[in-house]
Amino acid sequence: MMDFGLQGLGCMGMSEFYGDTDVAEARATLEQALASGVRLFDTADMYGLGANEEFLAPFVQAHRSQLLIATKFGYTRTPARPDDWSLDNRPSYIRAAVEGSLRRLGVETIDLYYMHRRQPDVPLEDSVGAMAELVRAGKVRGLGLCEVSAAELRAAHAVHPISALQSEWSLFSRGIEQDVLAVAREQGTAVVPFAPLGRGLLTGNALQLAADDARRHFPRFQDENRGANLALAAQVEQLALARGVTSAQMALAWLYTQAAALEVTVVPIPGTRRRNRLTENLQAAALRLNDAEMAALNQLAAGVRGIAV
């Protein structure tokens, strides 16, 4: 199994979706993450319409032997078609997409290459087979899938070992616990949760969403759902205070503790653009919660509203 470390860094927000970015602070955050032991840096070809890979390129090239770069293909968004959220998993598209990512990142090999989402009308075996060809060609080291079902994960693994599964998993989003995690454990696939802080709900911050913040379109942030979920988050914060940690640390500690109980390898990738938040998140990697804390948090999680995105 590829050594991803205990925690990675989600880099999406440095280029798009969550409002304006302080570029100098974002670059300093990358450097501090690496100095703090982070190995896995996560991007995708559609983040910032390619700009996120380009933003990361100087950092990746400067520290190539010290880090793992993960990127993704699948969404057909481009500068010419920024509102095109359709998917393409055809082998011909995959072969073209990897060349674009290699060029933007300025590297010869991508450490972890994900299918960003599954296109149902393309046989999974064809897509994963094309990805496996990239491994044999030396353009990719390991393969990953995002947000697939248990059956899809098992079928893909039969074609080529799947190094990582990236799906949303947090105290406030637990769908993959039903059956997907059992397959990941069985196959030795690392689980890489995105949005492990509930897309910001579990950070302990008052959520002030910019006009172009993508979260405005998610049900959990709309209308009465937002108020109900913020009330639950406030109770998480009280439990965190009792433990002497922040809400974000409590949420990440829940994830590490839950993964240990379910016997899966977990590498959360909380996204941040600020060094102080990075430090806070990394401190949670050593935290484990007791049974009473887990029971209290699980009870709160059962009340989350608007999970579908």
Protein backbone atom coordinates (compact mmCIF):
# COMPACT_ATOMS: atom_id res chain seq x y z
CA MET A 1 0.00 0.00 0.00
CA MET A 2 1.23 3.47 -0.85
CA ASP A 3 2.24 5.46 2.24
CA PHE A 4 -0.07 8.47 2.27
CA GLY A 5 0.72 9.54 5.83
CA LEU A 6 -1.91 10.26 8.48
CA GLN A 7 -3.44 13.33 6.88
CA GLY A 8 -3.33 15.00 3.48
CA LEU A 9 -4.18 18.48 2.25
CA GLY A 10 -7.13 19.25 0.01
CA CYS A 11 -6.08 22.08 -2.31
CA MET A 12 -9.31 22.74 -4.23
CA GLY A 13 -10.28 25.88 -2.30
CA MET A 14 -7.02 27.58 -3.20
CA SER A 15 -8.38 28.10 -6.72
CA GLU A 16 -12.18 27.94 -6.73
CA PHE A 17 -15.52 27.43 -5.02
CA TYR A 18 -14.92 28.96 -1.56
CA GLY A 19 -14.34 32.62 -2.34
CA ASP A 20 -11.19 34.68 -2.81
CA THR A 21 -7.77 33.28 -1.87
CA ASP A 22 -4.76 35.03 -0.38
CA VAL A 23 -2.23 33.52 -2.78
CA ALA A 24 0.82 34.20 -0.62
CA GLU A 25 -0.84 32.61 2.42
CA ALA A 26 -1.94 29.62 0.35
CA ARG A 27 1.61 29.04 -0.86
CA ALA A 28 2.91 29.37 2.69
CA THR A 29 0.33 26.80 3.77
CA LEU A 30 1.63 24.34 1.21
CA GLU A 31 5.18 24.78 2.45
CA GLN A 32 4.18 24.45 6.09
CA ALA A 33 2.15 21.32 5.34
CA LEU A 34 5.17 19.63 3.82
CA ALA A 35 7.43 20.76 6.67
CA SER A 36 4.86 19.34 9.12
CA GLY A 37 4.92 15.89 7.57
CA VAL A 38 2.03 16.05 5.09
CA ARG A 39 2.83 13.90 2.05
CA LEU A 40 -0.45 13.77 0.10
CA PHE A 41 -1.59 16.89 -1.77
CA ASP A 42 -4.94 16.60 -3.54
CA THR A 43 -6.14 18.43 -6.65
CA ALA A 44 -8.16 17.74 -9.83
CA ASP A 45 -8.04 18.86 -13.42
CA MET A 46 -11.35 20.69 -13.09
CA TYR A 47 -10.49 22.71 -9.95
CA GLY A 48 -10.16 26.26 -11.16
CA LEU A 49 -10.57 24.88 -14.69
CA GLY A 50 -7.01 23.59 -14.60
CA ALA A 51 -5.66 26.52 -12.59
CA ASN A 52 -5.31 24.52 -9.37
CA GLU A 53 -2.89 22.05 -10.95
CA GLU A 54 -0.94 24.97 -12.40
CA PHE A 55 -0.92 26.70 -9.01
CA LEU A 56 0.51 23.60 -7.36
CA ALA A 57 3.08 22.95 -10.09
CA PRO A 58 5.99 25.06 -8.74
CA PHE A 59 5.54 23.59 -5.26
CA VAL A 60 5.30 20.03 -6.55
CA GLN A 61 8.33 20.40 -8.81
CA ALA A 62 10.42 21.98 -6.03
CA HIS A 63 9.71 19.09 -3.64
CA ARG A 64 8.98 16.24 -6.03
CA SER A 65 10.70 13.46 -4.08
CA GLN A 66 9.11 14.45 -0.78
CA LEU A 67 5.42 14.44 -1.67
CA LEU A 68 2.64 12.55 -3.38
CA ILE A 69 0.47 14.45 -5.82
CA ALA A 70 -3.07 13.21 -6.44
CA THR A 71 -5.26 14.52 -9.22
CA LYS A 72 -8.46 13.45 -10.98
CA PHE A 73 -10.20 13.20 -14.33
CA GLY A 74 -13.84 12.86 -15.27
CA TYR A 75 -15.61 16.20 -15.30
CA THR A 76 -15.52 17.92 -18.67
CA ARG A 77 -15.36 21.48 -17.33
CA THR A 78 -12.80 23.55 -19.22
CA PRO A 79 -12.18 27.31 -19.61
CA ALA A 80 -14.19 27.07 -22.83
CA ARG A 81 -17.03 25.20 -21.05
CA PRO A 82 -16.95 26.23 -17.39
CA ASP A 83 -20.56 25.25 -16.74
CA ASP A 84 -20.29 21.80 -18.31
CA TRP A 85 -20.54 19.35 -15.43
CA SER A 86 -20.98 16.29 -17.61
CA LEU A 87 -18.71 13.28 -17.20
CA ASP A 88 -16.44 11.40 -19.55
CA ASN A 89 -14.90 8.08 -18.50
CA ARG A 90 -14.10 6.79 -21.99
CA PRO A 91 -10.58 5.38 -22.40
CA SER A 92 -9.79 7.92 -25.13
CA TYR A 93 -10.75 10.77 -22.81
CA ILE A 94 -8.71 9.32 -19.93
CA ARG A 95 -5.62 9.10 -22.12
CA ALA A 96 -6.03 12.74 -23.15
CA ALA A 97 -6.86 13.94 -19.63
CA VAL A 98 -3.75 12.49 -18.04
CA GLU A 99 -1.55 14.26 -20.57
CA GLY A 100 -3.19 17.56 -19.66
CA SER A 101 -2.64 17.00 -15.95
CA LEU A 102 0.98 15.94 -16.45
CA ARG A 103 1.59 19.09 -18.48
CA ARG A 104 -0.08 21.47 -16.01
CA LEU A 105 1.67 19.89 -13.02
CA GLY A 106 4.99 19.74 -14.85
CA VAL A 107 5.73 16.17 -13.74
CA GLU A 108 6.44 12.89 -15.50
CA THR A 109 4.35 10.73 -13.17
CA ILE A 110 1.18 11.32 -11.14
CA ASP A 111 1.34 9.47 -7.84
CA LEU A 112 -2.40 8.87 -7.44
CA TYR A 113 -4.86 9.24 -10.32
CA TYR A 114 -8.56 9.24 -9.49
CA MET A 115 -11.69 8.79 -11.52
CA HIS A 116 -13.50 11.85 -10.17
CA ARG A 117 -16.97 10.38 -10.67
CA ARG A 118 -18.36 7.33 -12.43
CA GLN A 119 -20.07 7.73 -15.81
CA PRO A 120 -22.67 4.95 -15.65
CA ASP A 121 -22.96 4.31 -19.39
CA VAL A 122 -19.24 3.55 -19.80
CA PRO A 123 -18.25 0.06 -18.61
CA LEU A 124 -16.21 0.39 -15.44
CA GLU A 125 -13.86 -2.31 -16.64
CA ASP A 126 -13.03 -0.21 -19.72
CA SER A 127 -12.27 2.90 -17.68
CA VAL A 128 -10.18 1.14 -15.04
CA GLY A 129 -8.46 -0.85 -17.77
CA ALA A 130 -7.40 2.41 -19.42
CA MET A 131 -6.19 3.72 -16.08
CA ALA A 132 -4.19 0.53 -15.57
CA GLU A 133 -2.52 1.14 -18.92
CA LEU A 134 -1.29 4.47 -17.56
CA VAL A 135 0.33 2.64 -14.65
CA ARG A 136 2.10 0.28 -17.04
CA ALA A 137 3.24 3.27 -19.12
CA GLY A 138 4.76 4.90 -16.03
CA LYS A 139 2.48 7.94 -16.20
CA VAL A 140 0.63 7.02 -13.00
CA ARG A 141 1.76 5.16 -9.87
CA GLY A 142 -1.53 4.26 -8.19
CA LEU A 143 -5.23 4.32 -9.03
CA GLY A 144 -8.11 5.81 -7.10
CA LEU A 145 -11.87 6.10 -7.38
CA CYS A 146 -14.24 8.70 -5.97
CA GLU A 147 -17.73 8.21 -4.59
CA VAL A 148 -18.30 4.72 -5.97
CA SER A 149 -20.53 1.99 -4.57
CA ALA A 150 -19.31 -1.14 -2.84
CA ALA A 151 -20.04 -3.20 -5.95
CA GLU A 152 -18.19 -0.75 -8.18
CA LEU A 153 -15.17 -0.70 -5.87
CA ARG A 154 -15.04 -4.49 -5.91
CA ALA A 155 -15.42 -4.67 -9.70
CA ALA A 156 -12.70 -2.08 -10.27
CA HIS A 157 -10.31 -3.85 -7.94
CA ALA A 158 -10.74 -7.03 -9.99
CA VAL A 159 -9.27 -5.16 -12.98
CA HIS A 160 -6.45 -3.40 -11.11
CA PRO A 161 -5.70 -2.79 -7.41
CA ILE A 162 -7.34 0.40 -6.18
CA SER A 163 -4.96 2.27 -3.90
CA ALA A 164 -7.45 4.82 -2.58
CA LEU A 165 -11.15 5.55 -2.36
CA GLN A 166 -12.03 9.22 -2.03
CA SER A 167 -15.55 9.78 -0.74
CA GLU A 168 -17.23 12.24 1.55
CA TRP A 169 -17.02 10.95 5.11
CA SER A 170 -17.43 12.93 8.28
CA LEU A 171 -19.43 12.98 11.47
CA PHE A 172 -22.15 14.72 9.47
CA SER A 173 -21.95 12.48 6.36
CA ARG A 174 -21.71 8.75 7.05
CA GLY A 175 -23.20 7.04 4.00
CA ILE A 176 -20.11 5.02 3.12
CA GLU A 177 -20.25 3.22 6.46
CA GLN A 178 -23.19 1.14 5.25
CA ASP A 179 -21.25 -1.18 2.93
CA VAL A 180 -18.46 0.60 1.06
CA LEU A 181 -15.98 0.61 3.93
CA ALA A 182 -16.23 -3.15 4.33
CA VAL A 183 -15.05 -3.61 0.75
CA ALA A 184 -12.24 -1.09 1.23
CA ARG A 185 -11.09 -3.02 4.30
CA GLU A 186 -11.31 -6.32 2.44
CA GLN A 187 -9.23 -5.00 -0.47
CA GLY A 188 -6.70 -3.00 1.54
CA THR A 189 -7.84 0.23 -0.11
CA ALA A 190 -7.08 3.40 1.83
CA VAL A 191 -10.07 5.65 2.46
CA VAL A 192 -9.41 9.34 1.74
CA PRO A 193 -12.34 11.34 3.12
CA PHE A 194 -12.97 14.68 1.51
CA ALA A 195 -14.93 17.31 3.44
CA PRO A 196 -14.07 15.62 6.77
CA LEU A 197 -15.16 18.83 8.53
CA GLY A 198 -18.66 18.71 7.10
CA ARG A 199 -17.86 21.27 4.39
CA GLY A 200 -17.14 23.80 7.12
CA LEU A 201 -20.03 23.03 9.45
CA LEU A 202 -17.68 21.36 11.92
CA THR A 203 -14.99 24.03 12.06
CA GLY A 204 -16.57 25.99 14.89
CA ASN A 205 -16.72 29.10 12.70
CA ALA A 206 -19.75 31.19 11.92
CA LEU A 207 -20.33 30.34 8.27
CA GLN A 208 -20.38 33.47 6.16
CA LEU A 209 -20.70 32.19 2.61
CA ALA A 210 -19.54 34.41 -0.23
CA ALA A 211 -21.95 34.98 -3.10
CA ASP A 212 -20.03 32.53 -5.30
CA ASP A 213 -19.51 29.92 -2.59
CA ALA A 214 -20.53 26.54 -4.01
CA ARG A 215 -21.99 25.46 -0.68
CA ARG A 216 -24.97 27.75 -1.23
CA HIS A 217 -26.27 25.07 -3.62
CA PHE A 218 -26.03 22.20 -1.11
CA PRO A 219 -29.24 21.27 0.76
CA ARG A 220 -27.52 21.12 4.15
CA PHE A 221 -26.71 24.85 3.87
CA GLN A 222 -30.14 25.96 2.68
CA ASP A 223 -33.19 27.29 4.48
CA GLU A 224 -34.16 25.51 7.70
CA ASN A 225 -31.52 22.79 7.17
CA ARG A 226 -28.73 25.28 7.75
CA GLY A 227 -30.13 26.46 11.07
CA ALA A 228 -30.75 22.92 12.30
CA ASN A 229 -27.27 21.77 11.31
CA LEU A 230 -25.58 24.79 12.88
CA ALA A 231 -27.41 24.01 16.11
CA LEU A 232 -25.99 20.48 16.02
CA ALA A 233 -22.55 21.88 15.27
CA ALA A 234 -22.83 24.10 18.32
CA GLN A 235 -23.36 21.01 20.44
CA VAL A 236 -20.28 19.42 18.88
CA GLU A 237 -18.39 22.53 19.92
CA GLN A 238 -19.53 22.08 23.52
CA LEU A 239 -18.24 18.52 23.53
CA ALA A 240 -14.97 19.76 22.05
CA LEU A 241 -14.61 22.39 24.76
CA ALA A 242 -15.12 19.73 27.40
CA ARG A 243 -12.28 17.78 25.84
CA GLY A 244 -10.09 20.87 25.54
CA VAL A 245 -9.91 20.83 21.73
CA THR A 246 -11.51 22.73 18.88
CA SER A 247 -14.60 21.62 16.97
CA ALA A 248 -12.48 20.75 13.93
CA GLN A 249 -10.15 18.65 16.04
CA MET A 250 -13.10 16.88 17.65
CA ALA A 251 -14.58 16.09 14.23
CA LEU A 252 -11.28 14.77 12.89
CA ALA A 253 -10.68 12.78 16.07
CA TRP A 254 -14.12 11.21 15.58
CA LEU A 255 -13.09 10.19 12.06
CA TYR A 256 -9.79 8.65 13.16
CA THR A 257 -11.51 6.82 16.04
CA GLN A 258 -14.32 5.56 13.83
CA ALA A 259 -11.89 4.35 11.17
CA ALA A 260 -9.92 2.44 13.77
CA ALA A 261 -13.10 0.79 15.04
CA LEU A 262 -14.03 -0.20 11.48
CA GLU A 263 -10.46 -1.33 10.76
CA VAL A 264 -9.92 0.81 7.67
CA THR A 265 -6.92 2.94 6.78
CA VAL A 266 -8.03 6.56 6.75
CA VAL A 267 -6.24 9.62 5.35
CA PRO A 268 -8.54 12.65 5.65
CA ILE A 269 -7.77 15.61 3.39
CA PRO A 270 -9.26 18.69 5.07
CA GLY A 271 -8.92 21.64 2.76
CA THR A 272 -7.49 24.89 4.02
CA ARG A 273 -5.70 27.93 2.68
CA ARG A 274 -4.37 29.13 6.03
CA ARG A 275 -1.46 27.96 8.14
CA ASN A 276 -3.24 28.29 11.47
CA ARG A 277 -6.04 25.99 10.30
CA LEU A 278 -3.51 23.54 8.92
CA THR A 279 -1.79 23.33 12.31
CA GLU A 280 -5.11 22.85 14.08
CA ASN A 281 -6.11 20.03 11.73
CA LEU A 282 -2.79 18.21 11.96
CA GLN A 283 -2.88 18.20 15.76
CA ALA A 284 -6.01 16.06 15.57
CA ALA A 285 -4.15 13.14 13.98
CA ALA A 286 -2.98 12.00 17.43
CA LEU A 287 -6.39 12.32 19.13
CA ARG A 288 -8.69 9.39 19.88
CA LEU A 289 -12.07 9.69 21.56
CA ASN A 290 -13.52 7.57 24.36
CA ASP A 291 -16.74 5.59 24.14
CA ALA A 292 -18.84 8.25 25.85
CA GLU A 293 -17.63 10.96 23.49
CA MET A 294 -18.28 8.77 20.45
CA ALA A 295 -21.78 7.93 21.64
CA ALA A 296 -22.63 11.59 22.18
CA LEU A 297 -21.31 12.60 18.77
CA ASN A 298 -23.08 9.75 17.00
CA GLN A 299 -26.35 10.81 18.56
CA LEU A 300 -25.88 14.33 17.20
CA ALA A 301 -24.93 13.00 13.77
CA ALA A 302 -28.25 11.20 13.50
CA GLY A 303 -30.02 14.57 13.39
CA VAL A 304 -28.15 16.09 10.43
CA ARG A 305 -30.45 17.42 7.72
CA GLY A 306 -29.94 17.81 3.96
CA ILE A 307 -27.11 15.33 3.50
CA ALA A 308 -27.65 14.84 -0.26
CA VAL A 309 -25.49 17.13 -2.40
